[in-house]
Full PDB file with SEQRES, HELIX, SHEET, SSBOND, CRYST1, ORIGX, SCALE, CONECT and MASTER records, all heavy atoms in Angstrom:
SEQRES   1 A   38  ASP PRO THR LYS VAL ASP ARG SER ALA ALA TYR ALA ALA          
SEQRES   2 A   38  ARG TYR LEU ALA LYS ASN VAL VAL ALA ALA GLY LEU ALA          
SEQRES   3 A   38  ASP ARG CYS THR ILE GLN LEU SER TYR ALA ILE GLY              
HELIX    1 AA1 VAL A    5  ALA A   22  1                                  18    
CRYST1    1.000    1.000    1.000  90.00  90.00  90.00 P 1           1          
ORIGX1      1.000000  0.000000  0.000000        0.00000                         
ORIGX2      0.000000  1.000000  0.000000        0.00000                         
ORIGX3      0.000000  0.000000  1.000000        0.00000                         
SCALE1      1.000000  0.000000  0.000000        0.00000                         
SCALE2      0.000000  1.000000  0.000000        0.00000                         
SCALE3      0.000000  0.000000  1.000000        0.00000                         
ATOM      1  N   ASP A   1      -2.475 -13.686 -10.150  1.00  0.00           N  
ATOM      2  CA  ASP A   1      -1.769 -12.769 -11.037  1.00  0.00           C  
ATOM      3  C   ASP A   1      -1.986 -11.341 -10.534  1.00  0.00           C  
ATOM      4  O   ASP A   1      -2.880 -11.088  -9.715  1.00  0.00           O  
ATOM      5  CB  ASP A   1      -2.274 -12.929 -12.476  1.00  0.00           C  
ATOM      6  CG  ASP A   1      -3.655 -12.328 -12.681  1.00  0.00           C  
ATOM      7  OD1 ASP A   1      -3.741 -11.097 -12.817  1.00  0.00           O  
ATOM      8  OD2 ASP A   1      -4.646 -13.089 -12.682  1.00  0.00           O  
ATOM      9  N   PRO A   2      -1.179 -10.378 -11.004  1.00  0.00           N  
ATOM     10  CA  PRO A   2      -1.224  -9.037 -10.418  1.00  0.00           C  
ATOM     11  C   PRO A   2      -2.437  -8.186 -10.776  1.00  0.00           C  
ATOM     12  O   PRO A   2      -2.534  -7.054 -10.297  1.00  0.00           O  
ATOM     13  CB  PRO A   2       0.070  -8.391 -10.917  1.00  0.00           C  
ATOM     14  CG  PRO A   2       0.419  -9.139 -12.159  1.00  0.00           C  
ATOM     15  CD  PRO A   2      -0.038 -10.547 -11.915  1.00  0.00           C  
ATOM     16  N   THR A   3      -3.390  -8.688 -11.588  1.00  0.00           N  
ATOM     17  CA  THR A   3      -4.641  -7.939 -11.732  1.00  0.00           C  
ATOM     18  C   THR A   3      -5.501  -8.099 -10.480  1.00  0.00           C  
ATOM     19  O   THR A   3      -6.440  -7.327 -10.281  1.00  0.00           O  
ATOM     20  CB  THR A   3      -5.462  -8.393 -12.956  1.00  0.00           C  
ATOM     21  OG1 THR A   3      -5.911  -9.737 -12.763  1.00  0.00           O  
ATOM     22  CG2 THR A   3      -4.658  -8.274 -14.232  1.00  0.00           C  
ATOM     23  N   LYS A   4      -5.189  -9.103  -9.666  1.00  0.00           N  
ATOM     24  CA  LYS A   4      -5.925  -9.304  -8.418  1.00  0.00           C  
ATOM     25  C   LYS A   4      -5.416  -8.301  -7.389  1.00  0.00           C  
ATOM     26  O   LYS A   4      -4.261  -8.370  -6.954  1.00  0.00           O  
ATOM     27  CB  LYS A   4      -5.749 -10.722  -7.888  1.00  0.00           C  
ATOM     28  CG  LYS A   4      -6.668 -11.769  -8.500  1.00  0.00           C  
ATOM     29  CD  LYS A   4      -6.353 -12.105  -9.918  1.00  0.00           C  
ATOM     30  CE  LYS A   4      -7.119 -13.342 -10.402  1.00  0.00           C  
ATOM     31  NZ  LYS A   4      -6.885 -13.582 -11.841  1.00  0.00           N  
ATOM     32  N   VAL A   5      -6.284  -7.367  -6.976  1.00  0.00           N  
ATOM     33  CA  VAL A   5      -5.841  -6.325  -6.060  1.00  0.00           C  
ATOM     34  C   VAL A   5      -5.520  -6.856  -4.675  1.00  0.00           C  
ATOM     35  O   VAL A   5      -4.824  -6.188  -3.900  1.00  0.00           O  
ATOM     36  CB  VAL A   5      -6.866  -5.169  -5.983  1.00  0.00           C  
ATOM     37  CG1 VAL A   5      -6.807  -4.321  -7.234  1.00  0.00           C  
ATOM     38  CG2 VAL A   5      -8.272  -5.686  -5.724  1.00  0.00           C  
ATOM     39  N   ASP A   6      -6.021  -8.052  -4.330  1.00  0.00           N  
ATOM     40  CA  ASP A   6      -5.569  -8.675  -3.086  1.00  0.00           C  
ATOM     41  C   ASP A   6      -4.050  -8.651  -3.015  1.00  0.00           C  
ATOM     42  O   ASP A   6      -3.466  -8.439  -1.946  1.00  0.00           O  
ATOM     43  CB  ASP A   6      -6.036 -10.139  -3.006  1.00  0.00           C  
ATOM     44  CG  ASP A   6      -7.447 -10.282  -2.491  1.00  0.00           C  
ATOM     45  OD1 ASP A   6      -7.967  -9.318  -1.899  1.00  0.00           O  
ATOM     46  OD2 ASP A   6      -8.033 -11.365  -2.671  1.00  0.00           O  
ATOM     47  N   ARG A   7      -3.431  -8.886  -4.161  1.00  0.00           N  
ATOM     48  CA  ARG A   7      -1.974  -8.924  -4.223  1.00  0.00           C  
ATOM     49  C   ARG A   7      -1.385  -7.555  -4.569  1.00  0.00           C  
ATOM     50  O   ARG A   7      -0.625  -6.977  -3.800  1.00  0.00           O  
ATOM     51  CB  ARG A   7      -1.533  -9.978  -5.239  1.00  0.00           C  
ATOM     52  CG  ARG A   7      -0.037 -10.080  -5.412  1.00  0.00           C  
ATOM     53  CD  ARG A   7       0.393 -11.318  -6.191  1.00  0.00           C  
ATOM     54  NE  ARG A   7       1.489 -11.978  -5.520  1.00  0.00           N  
ATOM     55  CZ  ARG A   7       1.839 -13.247  -5.684  1.00  0.00           C  
ATOM     56  NH1 ARG A   7       1.151 -14.020  -6.502  1.00  0.00           N  
ATOM     57  NH2 ARG A   7       2.856 -13.757  -5.011  1.00  0.00           N  
ATOM     58  N   SER A   8      -1.747  -7.037  -5.740  1.00  0.00           N  
ATOM     59  CA  SER A   8      -1.071  -5.842  -6.253  1.00  0.00           C  
ATOM     60  C   SER A   8      -1.336  -4.609  -5.396  1.00  0.00           C  
ATOM     61  O   SER A   8      -0.421  -3.801  -5.163  1.00  0.00           O  
ATOM     62  CB  SER A   8      -1.477  -5.580  -7.700  1.00  0.00           C  
ATOM     63  OG  SER A   8      -2.879  -5.501  -7.834  1.00  0.00           O  
ATOM     64  N   ALA A   9      -2.552  -4.425  -4.902  1.00  0.00           N  
ATOM     65  CA  ALA A   9      -2.836  -3.249  -4.082  1.00  0.00           C  
ATOM     66  C   ALA A   9      -2.200  -3.366  -2.705  1.00  0.00           C  
ATOM     67  O   ALA A   9      -1.812  -2.353  -2.105  1.00  0.00           O  
ATOM     68  CB  ALA A   9      -4.342  -3.036  -3.964  1.00  0.00           C  
ATOM     69  N   ALA A  10      -2.074  -4.581  -2.184  1.00  0.00           N  
ATOM     70  CA  ALA A  10      -1.355  -4.766  -0.916  1.00  0.00           C  
ATOM     71  C   ALA A  10       0.118  -4.422  -1.089  1.00  0.00           C  
ATOM     72  O   ALA A  10       0.746  -3.824  -0.206  1.00  0.00           O  
ATOM     73  CB  ALA A  10      -1.518  -6.192  -0.413  1.00  0.00           C  
ATOM     74  N   TYR A  11       0.681  -4.802  -2.244  1.00  0.00           N  
ATOM     75  CA  TYR A  11       2.068  -4.430  -2.527  1.00  0.00           C  
ATOM     76  C   TYR A  11       2.191  -2.912  -2.655  1.00  0.00           C  
ATOM     77  O   TYR A  11       3.156  -2.313  -2.159  1.00  0.00           O  
ATOM     78  CB  TYR A  11       2.538  -5.089  -3.826  1.00  0.00           C  
ATOM     79  CG  TYR A  11       2.757  -6.581  -3.766  1.00  0.00           C  
ATOM     80  CD1 TYR A  11       3.150  -7.279  -4.909  1.00  0.00           C  
ATOM     81  CD2 TYR A  11       2.588  -7.315  -2.600  1.00  0.00           C  
ATOM     82  CE1 TYR A  11       3.369  -8.642  -4.882  1.00  0.00           C  
ATOM     83  CE2 TYR A  11       2.796  -8.680  -2.563  1.00  0.00           C  
ATOM     84  CZ  TYR A  11       3.190  -9.353  -3.715  1.00  0.00           C  
ATOM     85  OH  TYR A  11       3.404 -10.701  -3.684  1.00  0.00           O  
ATOM     86  N   ALA A  12       1.228  -2.285  -3.329  1.00  0.00           N  
ATOM     87  CA  ALA A  12       1.268  -0.830  -3.488  1.00  0.00           C  
ATOM     88  C   ALA A  12       1.146  -0.123  -2.146  1.00  0.00           C  
ATOM     89  O   ALA A  12       1.834   0.879  -1.891  1.00  0.00           O  
ATOM     90  CB  ALA A  12       0.152  -0.382  -4.428  1.00  0.00           C  
ATOM     91  N   ALA A  13       0.282  -0.623  -1.277  1.00  0.00           N  
ATOM     92  CA  ALA A  13       0.107  -0.002   0.034  1.00  0.00           C  
ATOM     93  C   ALA A  13       1.378  -0.117   0.864  1.00  0.00           C  
ATOM     94  O   ALA A  13       1.759   0.819   1.576  1.00  0.00           O  
ATOM     95  CB  ALA A  13      -1.080  -0.643   0.755  1.00  0.00           C  
ATOM     96  N   ARG A  14       2.065  -1.252   0.795  1.00  0.00           N  
ATOM     97  CA  ARG A  14       3.352  -1.398   1.480  1.00  0.00           C  
ATOM     98  C   ARG A  14       4.374  -0.420   0.897  1.00  0.00           C  
ATOM     99  O   ARG A  14       5.117   0.237   1.628  1.00  0.00           O  
ATOM    100  CB  ARG A  14       3.863  -2.835   1.345  1.00  0.00           C  
ATOM    101  CG  ARG A  14       5.355  -3.040   1.580  1.00  0.00           C  
ATOM    102  CD  ARG A  14       5.814  -2.712   2.998  1.00  0.00           C  
ATOM    103  NE  ARG A  14       7.254  -2.980   3.139  1.00  0.00           N  
ATOM    104  CZ  ARG A  14       7.977  -2.705   4.207  1.00  0.00           C  
ATOM    105  NH1 ARG A  14       7.418  -2.132   5.252  1.00  0.00           N  
ATOM    106  NH2 ARG A  14       9.268  -2.972   4.254  1.00  0.00           N  
ATOM    107  N   TYR A  15       4.417  -0.329  -0.411  1.00  0.00           N  
ATOM    108  CA  TYR A  15       5.346   0.573  -1.096  1.00  0.00           C  
ATOM    109  C   TYR A  15       5.156   2.015  -0.618  1.00  0.00           C  
ATOM    110  O   TYR A  15       6.130   2.706  -0.269  1.00  0.00           O  
ATOM    111  CB  TYR A  15       5.097   0.455  -2.594  1.00  0.00           C  
ATOM    112  CG  TYR A  15       5.811   1.423  -3.496  1.00  0.00           C  
ATOM    113  CD1 TYR A  15       7.199   1.420  -3.622  1.00  0.00           C  
ATOM    114  CD2 TYR A  15       5.076   2.323  -4.271  1.00  0.00           C  
ATOM    115  CE1 TYR A  15       7.838   2.305  -4.493  1.00  0.00           C  
ATOM    116  CE2 TYR A  15       5.705   3.196  -5.151  1.00  0.00           C  
ATOM    117  CZ  TYR A  15       7.087   3.189  -5.252  1.00  0.00           C  
ATOM    118  OH  TYR A  15       7.721   4.050  -6.113  1.00  0.00           O  
ATOM    119  N   LEU A  16       3.920   2.457  -0.560  1.00  0.00           N  
ATOM    120  CA  LEU A  16       3.651   3.825  -0.135  1.00  0.00           C  
ATOM    121  C   LEU A  16       3.978   4.017   1.345  1.00  0.00           C  
ATOM    122  O   LEU A  16       4.610   5.010   1.731  1.00  0.00           O  
ATOM    123  CB  LEU A  16       2.200   4.179  -0.413  1.00  0.00           C  
ATOM    124  CG  LEU A  16       1.799   4.227  -1.888  1.00  0.00           C  
ATOM    125  CD1 LEU A  16       0.289   4.428  -2.017  1.00  0.00           C  
ATOM    126  CD2 LEU A  16       2.554   5.320  -2.640  1.00  0.00           C  
ATOM    127  N   ALA A  17       3.566   3.073   2.184  1.00  0.00           N  
ATOM    128  CA  ALA A  17       3.832   3.198   3.622  1.00  0.00           C  
ATOM    129  C   ALA A  17       5.330   3.188   3.901  1.00  0.00           C  
ATOM    130  O   ALA A  17       5.829   3.967   4.732  1.00  0.00           O  
ATOM    131  CB  ALA A  17       3.142   2.062   4.373  1.00  0.00           C  
ATOM    132  N   LYS A  18       6.065   2.317   3.215  1.00  0.00           N  
ATOM    133  CA  LYS A  18       7.510   2.245   3.432  1.00  0.00           C  
ATOM    134  C   LYS A  18       8.179   3.551   3.037  1.00  0.00           C  
ATOM    135  O   LYS A  18       9.096   4.037   3.721  1.00  0.00           O  
ATOM    136  CB  LYS A  18       8.107   1.082   2.652  1.00  0.00           C  
ATOM    137  CG  LYS A  18       9.599   0.903   2.895  1.00  0.00           C  
ATOM    138  CD  LYS A  18      10.172  -0.293   2.161  1.00  0.00           C  
ATOM    139  CE  LYS A  18      11.648  -0.474   2.480  1.00  0.00           C  
ATOM    140  NZ  LYS A  18      12.251  -1.630   1.765  1.00  0.00           N  
ATOM    141  N   ASN A  19       7.746   4.147   1.937  1.00  0.00           N  
ATOM    142  CA  ASN A  19       8.337   5.407   1.502  1.00  0.00           C  
ATOM    143  C   ASN A  19       8.021   6.547   2.464  1.00  0.00           C  
ATOM    144  O   ASN A  19       8.863   7.422   2.685  1.00  0.00           O  
ATOM    145  CB  ASN A  19       7.890   5.738   0.082  1.00  0.00           C  
ATOM    146  CG  ASN A  19       8.769   5.090  -0.970  1.00  0.00           C  
ATOM    147  OD1 ASN A  19       9.766   5.665  -1.393  1.00  0.00           O  
ATOM    148  ND2 ASN A  19       8.432   3.871  -1.373  1.00  0.00           N  
ATOM    149  N   VAL A  20       6.831   6.545   3.041  1.00  0.00           N  
ATOM    150  CA  VAL A  20       6.480   7.560   4.034  1.00  0.00           C  
ATOM    151  C   VAL A  20       7.435   7.490   5.224  1.00  0.00           C  
ATOM    152  O   VAL A  20       7.970   8.509   5.686  1.00  0.00           O  
ATOM    153  CB  VAL A  20       5.021   7.395   4.493  1.00  0.00           C  
ATOM    154  CG1 VAL A  20       4.740   8.242   5.740  1.00  0.00           C  
ATOM    155  CG2 VAL A  20       4.064   7.778   3.370  1.00  0.00           C  
ATOM    156  N   VAL A  21       7.677   6.281   5.731  1.00  0.00           N  
ATOM    157  CA  VAL A  21       8.573   6.122   6.876  1.00  0.00           C  
ATOM    158  C   VAL A  21      10.027   6.392   6.470  1.00  0.00           C  
ATOM    159  O   VAL A  21      10.774   7.060   7.196  1.00  0.00           O  
ATOM    160  CB  VAL A  21       8.414   4.715   7.485  1.00  0.00           C  
ATOM    161  CG1 VAL A  21       9.446   4.471   8.585  1.00  0.00           C  
ATOM    162  CG2 VAL A  21       7.002   4.543   8.047  1.00  0.00           C  
ATOM    163  N   ALA A  22      10.429   5.895   5.312  1.00  0.00           N  
ATOM    164  CA  ALA A  22      11.805   6.120   4.840  1.00  0.00           C  
ATOM    165  C   ALA A  22      12.084   7.607   4.639  1.00  0.00           C  
ATOM    166  O   ALA A  22      13.222   8.061   4.811  1.00  0.00           O  
ATOM    167  CB  ALA A  22      12.046   5.363   3.543  1.00  0.00           C  
ATOM    168  N   ALA A  23      11.054   8.372   4.303  1.00  0.00           N  
ATOM    169  CA  ALA A  23      11.212   9.814   4.111  1.00  0.00           C  
ATOM    170  C   ALA A  23      11.276  10.576   5.432  1.00  0.00           C  
ATOM    171  O   ALA A  23      11.502  11.786   5.434  1.00  0.00           O  
ATOM    172  CB  ALA A  23      10.056  10.351   3.263  1.00  0.00           C  
ATOM    173  N   GLY A  24      11.077   9.872   6.535  1.00  0.00           N  
ATOM    174  CA  GLY A  24      11.131  10.505   7.844  1.00  0.00           C  
ATOM    175  C   GLY A  24       9.866  11.256   8.213  1.00  0.00           C  
ATOM    176  O   GLY A  24       9.864  12.046   9.157  1.00  0.00           O  
ATOM    177  N   LEU A  25       8.766  10.984   7.505  1.00  0.00           N  
ATOM    178  CA  LEU A  25       7.515  11.682   7.786  1.00  0.00           C  
ATOM    179  C   LEU A  25       6.737  11.053   8.938  1.00  0.00           C  
ATOM    180  O   LEU A  25       5.771  11.641   9.428  1.00  0.00           O  
ATOM    181  CB  LEU A  25       6.636  11.716   6.528  1.00  0.00           C  
ATOM    182  CG  LEU A  25       7.243  12.409   5.307  1.00  0.00           C  
ATOM    183  CD1 LEU A  25       6.223  12.469   4.177  1.00  0.00           C  
ATOM    184  CD2 LEU A  25       7.751  13.796   5.654  1.00  0.00           C  
ATOM    185  N   ALA A  26       7.142   9.839   9.354  1.00  0.00           N  
ATOM    186  CA  ALA A  26       6.497   9.165  10.476  1.00  0.00           C  
ATOM    187  C   ALA A  26       7.384   8.005  10.918  1.00  0.00           C  
ATOM    188  O   ALA A  26       8.205   7.510  10.142  1.00  0.00           O  
ATOM    189  CB  ALA A  26       5.109   8.654  10.092  1.00  0.00           C  
ATOM    190  N   ASP A  27       7.203   7.581  12.169  1.00  0.00           N  
ATOM    191  CA  ASP A  27       7.896   6.394  12.660  1.00  0.00           C  
ATOM    192  C   ASP A  27       7.146   5.122  12.267  1.00  0.00           C  
ATOM    193  O   ASP A  27       7.755   4.070  12.096  1.00  0.00           O  
ATOM    194  CB  ASP A  27       8.031   6.435  14.184  1.00  0.00           C  
ATOM    195  CG  ASP A  27       8.894   7.590  14.660  1.00  0.00           C  
ATOM    196  OD1 ASP A  27       9.748   8.065  13.874  1.00  0.00           O  
ATOM    197  OD2 ASP A  27       8.707   8.036  15.809  1.00  0.00           O  
ATOM    198  N   ARG A  28       5.824   5.248  12.148  1.00  0.00           N  
ATOM    199  CA  ARG A  28       4.977   4.128  11.752  1.00  0.00           C  
ATOM    200  C   ARG A  28       3.918   4.645  10.793  1.00  0.00           C  
ATOM    201  O   ARG A  28       3.461   5.789  10.921  1.00  0.00           O  
ATOM    202  CB  ARG A  28       4.296   3.473  12.956  1.00  0.00           C  
ATOM    203  CG  ARG A  28       5.217   2.842  13.970  1.00  0.00           C  
ATOM    204  CD  ARG A  28       4.465   2.479  15.244  1.00  0.00           C  
ATOM    205  NE  ARG A  28       3.377   1.553  14.980  1.00  0.00           N  
ATOM    206  CZ  ARG A  28       2.267   1.472  15.715  1.00  0.00           C  
ATOM    207  NH1 ARG A  28       2.074   2.279  16.742  1.00  0.00           N  
ATOM    208  NH2 ARG A  28       1.329   0.596  15.411  1.00  0.00           N  
ATOM    209  N   CYS A  29       3.528   3.803   9.853  1.00  0.00           N  
ATOM    210  CA  CYS A  29       2.509   4.213   8.886  1.00  0.00           C  
ATOM    211  C   CYS A  29       1.688   3.013   8.456  1.00  0.00           C  
ATOM    212  O   CYS A  29       2.252   1.987   8.050  1.00  0.00           O  
ATOM    213  CB  CYS A  29       3.164   4.860   7.664  1.00  0.00           C  
ATOM    214  SG  CYS A  29       1.998   5.339   6.359  1.00  0.00           S  
ATOM    215  N   THR A  30       0.379   3.144   8.548  1.00  0.00           N  
ATOM    216  CA  THR A  30      -0.546   2.141   8.023  1.00  0.00           C  
ATOM    217  C   THR A  30      -1.405   2.800   6.949  1.00  0.00           C  
ATOM    218  O   THR A  30      -1.942   3.893   7.165  1.00  0.00           O  
ATOM    219  CB  THR A  30      -1.463   1.582   9.123  1.00  0.00           C  
ATOM    220  OG1 THR A  30      -0.667   0.966  10.125  1.00  0.00           O  
ATOM    221  CG2 THR A  30      -2.432   0.547   8.551  1.00  0.00           C  
ATOM    222  N   ILE A  31      -1.525   2.129   5.801  1.00  0.00           N  
ATOM    223  CA  ILE A  31      -2.347   2.637   4.698  1.00  0.00           C  
ATOM    224  C   ILE A  31      -3.376   1.582   4.323  1.00  0.00           C  
ATOM    225  O   ILE A  31      -3.037   0.405   4.170  1.00  0.00           O  
ATOM    226  CB  ILE A  31      -1.480   2.984   3.479  1.00  0.00           C  
ATOM    227  CG1 ILE A  31      -0.557   4.163   3.811  1.00  0.00           C  
ATOM    228  CG2 ILE A  31      -2.346   3.313   2.260  1.00  0.00           C  
ATOM    229  CD1 ILE A  31       0.418   4.514   2.717  1.00  0.00           C  
ATOM    230  N   GLN A  32      -4.633   2.004   4.192  1.00  0.00           N  
ATOM    231  CA  GLN A  32      -5.690   1.124   3.702  1.00  0.00           C  
ATOM    232  C   GLN A  32      -6.172   1.617   2.344  1.00  0.00           C  
ATOM    233  O   GLN A  32      -6.415   2.813   2.151  1.00  0.00           O  
ATOM    234  CB  GLN A  32      -6.885   1.089   4.653  1.00  0.00           C  
ATOM    235  CG  GLN A  32      -7.975   0.110   4.212  1.00  0.00           C  
ATOM    236  CD  GLN A  32      -9.339   0.413   4.813  1.00  0.00           C  
ATOM    237  OE1 GLN A  32      -9.872   1.506   4.662  1.00  0.00           O  
ATOM    238  NE2 GLN A  32      -9.899  -0.571   5.508  1.00  0.00           N  
ATOM    239  N   LEU A  33      -6.301   0.672   1.396  1.00  0.00           N  
ATOM    240  CA  LEU A  33      -6.929   0.923   0.104  1.00  0.00           C  
ATOM    241  C   LEU A  33      -8.135   0.007  -0.014  1.00  0.00           C  
ATOM    242  O   LEU A  33      -8.144  -1.095   0.546  1.00  0.00           O  
ATOM    243  CB  LEU A  33      -5.956   0.637  -1.046  1.00  0.00           C  
ATOM    244  CG  LEU A  33      -4.636   1.418  -1.064  1.00  0.00           C  
ATOM    245  CD1 LEU A  33      -3.729   0.887  -2.173  1.00  0.00           C  
ATOM    246  CD2 LEU A  33      -4.888   2.900  -1.241  1.00  0.00           C  
ATOM    247  N   SER A  34      -9.162   0.449  -0.752  1.00  0.00           N  
ATOM    248  CA  SER A  34     -10.313  -0.430  -0.991  1.00  0.00           C  
ATOM    249  C   SER A  34     -10.728  -0.339  -2.453  1.00  0.00           C  
ATOM    250  O   SER A  34     -10.516   0.683  -3.112  1.00  0.00           O  
ATOM    251  CB  SER A  34     -11.490  -0.056  -0.079  1.00  0.00           C  
ATOM    252  OG  SER A  34     -12.062   1.178  -0.466  1.00  0.00           O  
ATOM    253  N   TYR A  35     -11.335  -1.439  -2.951  1.00  0.00           N  
ATOM    254  CA  TYR A  35     -11.693  -1.536  -4.364  1.00  0.00           C  
ATOM    255  C   TYR A  35     -13.040  -2.220  -4.530  1.00  0.00           C  
ATOM    256  O   TYR A  35     -13.490  -2.970  -3.657  1.00  0.00           O  
ATOM    257  CB  TYR A  35     -10.629  -2.325  -5.142  1.00  0.00           C  
ATOM    258  CG  TYR A  35      -9.313  -1.593  -5.241  1.00  0.00           C  
ATOM    259  CD1 TYR A  35      -8.374  -1.693  -4.223  1.00  0.00           C  
ATOM    260  CD2 TYR A  35      -9.019  -0.778  -6.331  1.00  0.00           C  
ATOM    261  CE1 TYR A  35      -7.176  -0.999  -4.288  1.00  0.00           C  
ATOM    262  CE2 TYR A  35      -7.815  -0.086  -6.409  1.00  0.00           C  
ATOM    263  CZ  TYR A  35      -6.906  -0.202  -5.382  1.00  0.00           C  
ATOM    264  OH  TYR A  35      -5.723   0.496  -5.451  1.00  0.00           O  
ATOM    265  N   ALA A  36     -13.664  -1.970  -5.695  1.00  0.00           N  
ATOM    266  CA  ALA A  36     -14.880  -2.666  -6.121  1.00  0.00           C  
ATOM    267  C   ALA A  36     -14.557  -3.453  -7.387  1.00  0.00           C  
ATOM    268  O   ALA A  36     -13.814  -2.964  -8.254  1.00  0.00           O  
ATOM    269  CB  ALA A  36     -16.008  -1.673  -6.394  1.00  0.00           C  
ATOM    270  N   ILE A  37     -15.087  -4.654  -7.518  1.00  0.00           N  
ATOM    271  CA  ILE A  37     -14.806  -5.480  -8.685  1.00  0.00           C  
ATOM    272  C   ILE A  37     -15.246  -4.768  -9.963  1.00  0.00           C  
ATOM    273  O   ILE A  37     -16.331  -4.196 -10.050  1.00  0.00           O  
ATOM    274  CB  ILE A  37     -15.465  -6.872  -8.573  1.00  0.00           C  
ATOM    275  CG1 ILE A  37     -14.991  -7.787  -9.713  1.00  0.00           C  
ATOM    276  CG2 ILE A  37     -16.977  -6.779  -8.522  1.00  0.00           C  
ATOM    277  CD1 ILE A  37     -15.379  -9.244  -9.536  1.00  0.00           C  
ATOM    278  N   GLY A  38     -14.360  -4.774 -10.939  1.00  0.00           N  
ATOM    279  CA  GLY A  38     -14.657  -4.175 -12.231  1.00  0.00           C  
ATOM    280  C   GLY A  38     -14.465  -2.673 -12.294  1.00  0.00           C  
ATOM    281  O   GLY A  38     -14.618  -2.077 -13.360  1.00  0.00           O  
TER     282      GLY A  38                                                      
MASTER        0    0    0    1    0    0    0    6  281    1    0    3          
END                                                                             
């Protein structure tokens, strides 16, 4: 389910990276997020 950041944060990181490239701010973009349980 989407409370699991394995899923939801990976989707968010793709969303942000895609928007960076779509905005013309870079040709390629990699974003890393990290979390602690709780």
